[in-house]
Amino acid sequence: MKRYDLRHLKNDFEPRMKELLSSHPAHEIAIFLFEVGDFTPVQRSADLVKESGYELMNSLKFNEVDWTIVVKKS
């Protein structure tokens, strides 16, 4: 299991997330943390996960501004 903190990238986390997904080992869980203002980044991240061939296992609000998703490649 590997955790990736993308909060410092603010709303521009998607390119880095895509890069990390492409290099993440298959069958290993990845946890991503990113910042949300409105909920648009949540849907965009879910779409990116699906497009990358991963399964979204969990998605939750971590605190007032941070979101966490847990993914795994089948």
N, C-alpha and C. Protein backbone atom coordinates (compact mmCIF):
# COMPACT_ATOMS: atom_id res chain seq x y z
N MET A 1 0.85 -1.17 0.00
CA MET A 1 0.00 0.00 0.00
C MET A 1 0.91 1.24 0.00
N LYS A 2 0.56 2.20 -0.84
CA LYS A 2 1.35 3.42 -0.96
C LYS A 2 0.42 4.61 -0.92
N ARG A 3 0.80 5.63 -0.17
CA ARG A 3 -0.01 6.84 -0.07
C ARG A 3 0.68 7.97 -0.81
N TYR A 4 -0.10 8.69 -1.61
CA TYR A 4 0.42 9.81 -2.37
C TYR A 4 -0.32 11.08 -1.94
N ASP A 5 0.42 12.04 -1.45
CA ASP A 5 -0.16 13.31 -1.00
C ASP A 5 -0.05 14.33 -2.13
N LEU A 6 -1.17 14.67 -2.73
CA LEU A 6 -1.20 15.62 -3.84
C LEU A 6 -1.82 16.96 -3.44
N ARG A 7 -1.98 17.18 -2.15
CA ARG A 7 -2.64 18.41 -1.68
C ARG A 7 -1.88 19.66 -2.06
N HIS A 8 -0.56 19.58 -2.13
CA HIS A 8 0.24 20.76 -2.47
C HIS A 8 0.00 21.23 -3.91
N LEU A 9 -0.57 20.36 -4.75
CA LEU A 9 -0.82 20.71 -6.15
C LEU A 9 -2.15 21.44 -6.35
N LYS A 10 -2.91 21.57 -5.25
CA LYS A 10 -4.22 22.24 -5.28
C LYS A 10 -5.11 21.60 -6.34
N ASN A 11 -5.66 22.38 -7.26
CA ASN A 11 -6.61 21.90 -8.25
C ASN A 11 -5.93 21.26 -9.48
N ASP A 12 -4.61 21.29 -9.53
CA ASP A 12 -3.86 20.75 -10.68
C ASP A 12 -3.21 19.41 -10.36
N PHE A 13 -3.90 18.57 -9.63
CA PHE A 13 -3.34 17.29 -9.20
C PHE A 13 -3.47 16.18 -10.24
N GLU A 14 -4.36 16.32 -11.21
CA GLU A 14 -4.66 15.24 -12.15
C GLU A 14 -3.47 14.74 -12.98
N PRO A 15 -2.66 15.62 -13.58
CA PRO A 15 -1.52 15.10 -14.34
C PRO A 15 -0.58 14.24 -13.48
N ARG A 16 -0.33 14.69 -12.27
CA ARG A 16 0.55 13.92 -11.37
C ARG A 16 -0.10 12.61 -10.95
N MET A 17 -1.39 12.65 -10.70
CA MET A 17 -2.11 11.44 -10.33
C MET A 17 -2.07 10.42 -11.46
N LYS A 18 -2.26 10.88 -12.68
CA LYS A 18 -2.20 9.99 -13.84
C LYS A 18 -0.81 9.37 -13.98
N GLU A 19 0.22 10.18 -13.78
CA GLU A 19 1.60 9.69 -13.84
C GLU A 19 1.85 8.62 -12.77
N LEU A 20 1.37 8.87 -11.57
CA LEU A 20 1.56 7.90 -10.48
C LEU A 20 0.80 6.60 -10.74
N LEU A 21 -0.42 6.72 -11.27
CA LEU A 21 -1.20 5.53 -11.57
C LEU A 21 -0.52 4.68 -12.63
N SER A 22 0.09 5.32 -13.61
CA SER A 22 0.73 4.56 -14.68
C SER A 22 1.98 3.82 -14.21
N SER A 23 2.60 4.28 -13.13
CA SER A 23 3.81 3.62 -12.64
C SER A 23 3.58 2.80 -11.37
N HIS A 24 2.36 2.83 -10.85
CA HIS A 24 2.05 2.10 -9.61
C HIS A 24 1.94 0.61 -9.91
N PRO A 25 2.51 -0.24 -9.06
CA PRO A 25 2.45 -1.69 -9.30
C PRO A 25 1.02 -2.23 -9.31
N ALA A 26 0.76 -3.15 -10.23
CA ALA A 26 -0.57 -3.78 -10.31
C ALA A 26 -0.86 -4.55 -9.02
N HIS A 27 -2.10 -4.63 -8.66
CA HIS A 27 -2.60 -5.37 -7.48
C HIS A 27 -2.14 -4.77 -6.16
N GLU A 28 -1.60 -3.58 -6.18
CA GLU A 28 -1.21 -2.91 -4.95
C GLU A 28 -2.13 -1.71 -4.74
N ILE A 29 -2.55 -1.50 -3.53
CA ILE A 29 -3.47 -0.41 -3.21
C ILE A 29 -2.72 0.91 -3.20
N ALA A 30 -3.38 1.94 -3.75
CA ALA A 30 -2.84 3.30 -3.73
C ALA A 30 -3.86 4.21 -3.06
N ILE A 31 -3.38 5.08 -2.21
CA ILE A 31 -4.23 6.05 -1.52
C ILE A 31 -3.78 7.43 -1.97
N PHE A 32 -4.72 8.22 -2.45
CA PHE A 32 -4.43 9.57 -2.91
C PHE A 32 -5.15 10.58 -2.04
N LEU A 33 -4.42 11.60 -1.62
CA LEU A 33 -5.01 12.73 -0.90
C LEU A 33 -4.91 13.95 -1.79
N PHE A 34 -6.01 14.68 -1.92
CA PHE A 34 -5.99 15.91 -2.70
C PHE A 34 -6.99 16.89 -2.10
N GLU A 35 -6.84 18.14 -2.47
CA GLU A 35 -7.68 19.22 -1.97
C GLU A 35 -8.90 19.40 -2.85
N VAL A 36 -10.04 19.68 -2.22
CA VAL A 36 -11.25 19.99 -2.98
C VAL A 36 -11.83 21.30 -2.48
N GLY A 37 -12.34 22.10 -3.40
CA GLY A 37 -13.10 23.29 -3.05
C GLY A 37 -14.56 22.91 -3.21
N ASP A 38 -14.97 22.81 -4.46
CA ASP A 38 -16.27 22.21 -4.74
C ASP A 38 -16.01 20.72 -4.99
N PHE A 39 -17.01 19.98 -5.39
CA PHE A 39 -16.83 18.55 -5.53
C PHE A 39 -16.44 18.12 -6.95
N THR A 40 -16.14 19.06 -7.83
CA THR A 40 -15.75 18.73 -9.20
C THR A 40 -14.49 17.85 -9.24
N PRO A 41 -13.46 18.13 -8.45
CA PRO A 41 -12.26 17.28 -8.48
C PRO A 41 -12.53 15.83 -8.08
N VAL A 42 -13.55 15.62 -7.26
CA VAL A 42 -13.88 14.26 -6.84
C VAL A 42 -14.33 13.44 -8.05
N GLN A 43 -15.22 14.00 -8.84
CA GLN A 43 -15.70 13.29 -10.02
C GLN A 43 -14.58 13.13 -11.05
N ARG A 44 -13.78 14.18 -11.21
CA ARG A 44 -12.66 14.09 -12.16
C ARG A 44 -11.68 13.01 -11.76
N SER A 45 -11.40 12.88 -10.47
CA SER A 45 -10.47 11.84 -10.01
C SER A 45 -11.08 10.46 -10.22
N ALA A 46 -12.38 10.31 -9.98
CA ALA A 46 -13.04 9.02 -10.20
C ALA A 46 -12.98 8.64 -11.68
N ASP A 47 -13.19 9.61 -12.55
CA ASP A 47 -13.11 9.36 -13.99
C ASP A 47 -11.69 8.95 -14.40
N LEU A 48 -10.70 9.63 -13.85
CA LEU A 48 -9.30 9.33 -14.15
C LEU A 48 -8.93 7.92 -13.69
N VAL A 49 -9.39 7.55 -12.53
CA VAL A 49 -9.13 6.21 -11.98
C VAL A 49 -9.71 5.16 -12.93
N LYS A 50 -10.93 5.36 -13.36
CA LYS A 50 -11.59 4.40 -14.26
C LYS A 50 -10.87 4.32 -15.61
N GLU A 51 -10.51 5.49 -16.16
CA GLU A 51 -9.80 5.54 -17.44
C GLU A 51 -8.44 4.85 -17.37
N SER A 52 -7.83 4.85 -16.20
CA SER A 52 -6.50 4.26 -16.02
C SER A 52 -6.57 2.76 -15.73
N GLY A 53 -7.78 2.21 -15.68
CA GLY A 53 -7.93 0.78 -15.46
C GLY A 53 -7.89 0.36 -14.00
N TYR A 54 -8.14 1.30 -13.11
CA TYR A 54 -8.15 1.01 -11.68
C TYR A 54 -9.58 0.94 -11.17
N GLU A 55 -9.74 0.31 -10.02
CA GLU A 55 -11.02 0.24 -9.35
C GLU A 55 -11.01 1.22 -8.18
N LEU A 56 -12.04 2.04 -8.08
CA LEU A 56 -12.17 2.97 -6.96
C LEU A 56 -12.79 2.20 -5.80
N MET A 57 -12.02 1.99 -4.76
CA MET A 57 -12.47 1.17 -3.63
C MET A 57 -13.13 2.00 -2.54
N ASN A 58 -12.68 3.25 -2.39
CA ASN A 58 -13.23 4.10 -1.34
C ASN A 58 -12.97 5.55 -1.71
N SER A 59 -13.89 6.41 -1.34
CA SER A 59 -13.75 7.84 -1.57
C SER A 59 -14.42 8.56 -0.40
N LEU A 60 -13.64 9.37 0.31
CA LEU A 60 -14.23 10.03 1.47
C LEU A 60 -13.58 11.38 1.75
N LYS A 61 -14.36 12.18 2.40
CA LYS A 61 -13.88 13.50 2.81
C LYS A 61 -13.02 13.30 4.06
N PHE A 62 -11.77 13.76 3.98
CA PHE A 62 -10.82 13.56 5.06
C PHE A 62 -10.98 14.60 6.16
N ASN A 63 -11.18 15.83 5.77
CA ASN A 63 -11.47 16.92 6.69
C ASN A 63 -12.20 18.00 5.90
N GLU A 64 -12.15 19.23 6.29
CA GLU A 64 -12.92 20.28 5.62
C GLU A 64 -12.51 20.53 4.17
N VAL A 65 -11.25 20.33 3.82
CA VAL A 65 -10.80 20.64 2.45
C VAL A 65 -10.13 19.48 1.73
N ASP A 66 -9.83 18.41 2.41
CA ASP A 66 -9.08 17.32 1.81
C ASP A 66 -9.96 16.11 1.52
N TRP A 67 -9.62 15.42 0.43
CA TRP A 67 -10.36 14.24 0.01
C TRP A 67 -9.38 13.09 -0.14
N THR A 68 -9.83 11.89 0.20
CA THR A 68 -9.01 10.70 0.09
C THR A 68 -9.72 9.68 -0.79
N ILE A 69 -8.98 9.09 -1.73
CA ILE A 69 -9.53 7.97 -2.50
C ILE A 69 -8.57 6.80 -2.40
N VAL A 70 -9.13 5.62 -2.40
CA VAL A 70 -8.35 4.38 -2.34
C VAL A 70 -8.65 3.62 -3.62
N VAL A 71 -7.60 3.24 -4.32
CA VAL A 71 -7.76 2.56 -5.61
C VAL A 71 -6.88 1.32 -5.68
N LYS A 72 -7.27 0.42 -6.59
CA LYS A 72 -6.49 -0.80 -6.82
C LYS A 72 -6.68 -1.22 -8.25
N LYS A 73 -5.61 -1.65 -8.89
CA LYS A 73 -5.70 -2.14 -10.26
C LYS A 73 -6.03 -3.62 -10.21
N SER A 74 -7.06 -3.99 -10.92
CA SER A 74 -7.51 -5.39 -10.92
C SER A 74 -6.62 -6.24 -11.78
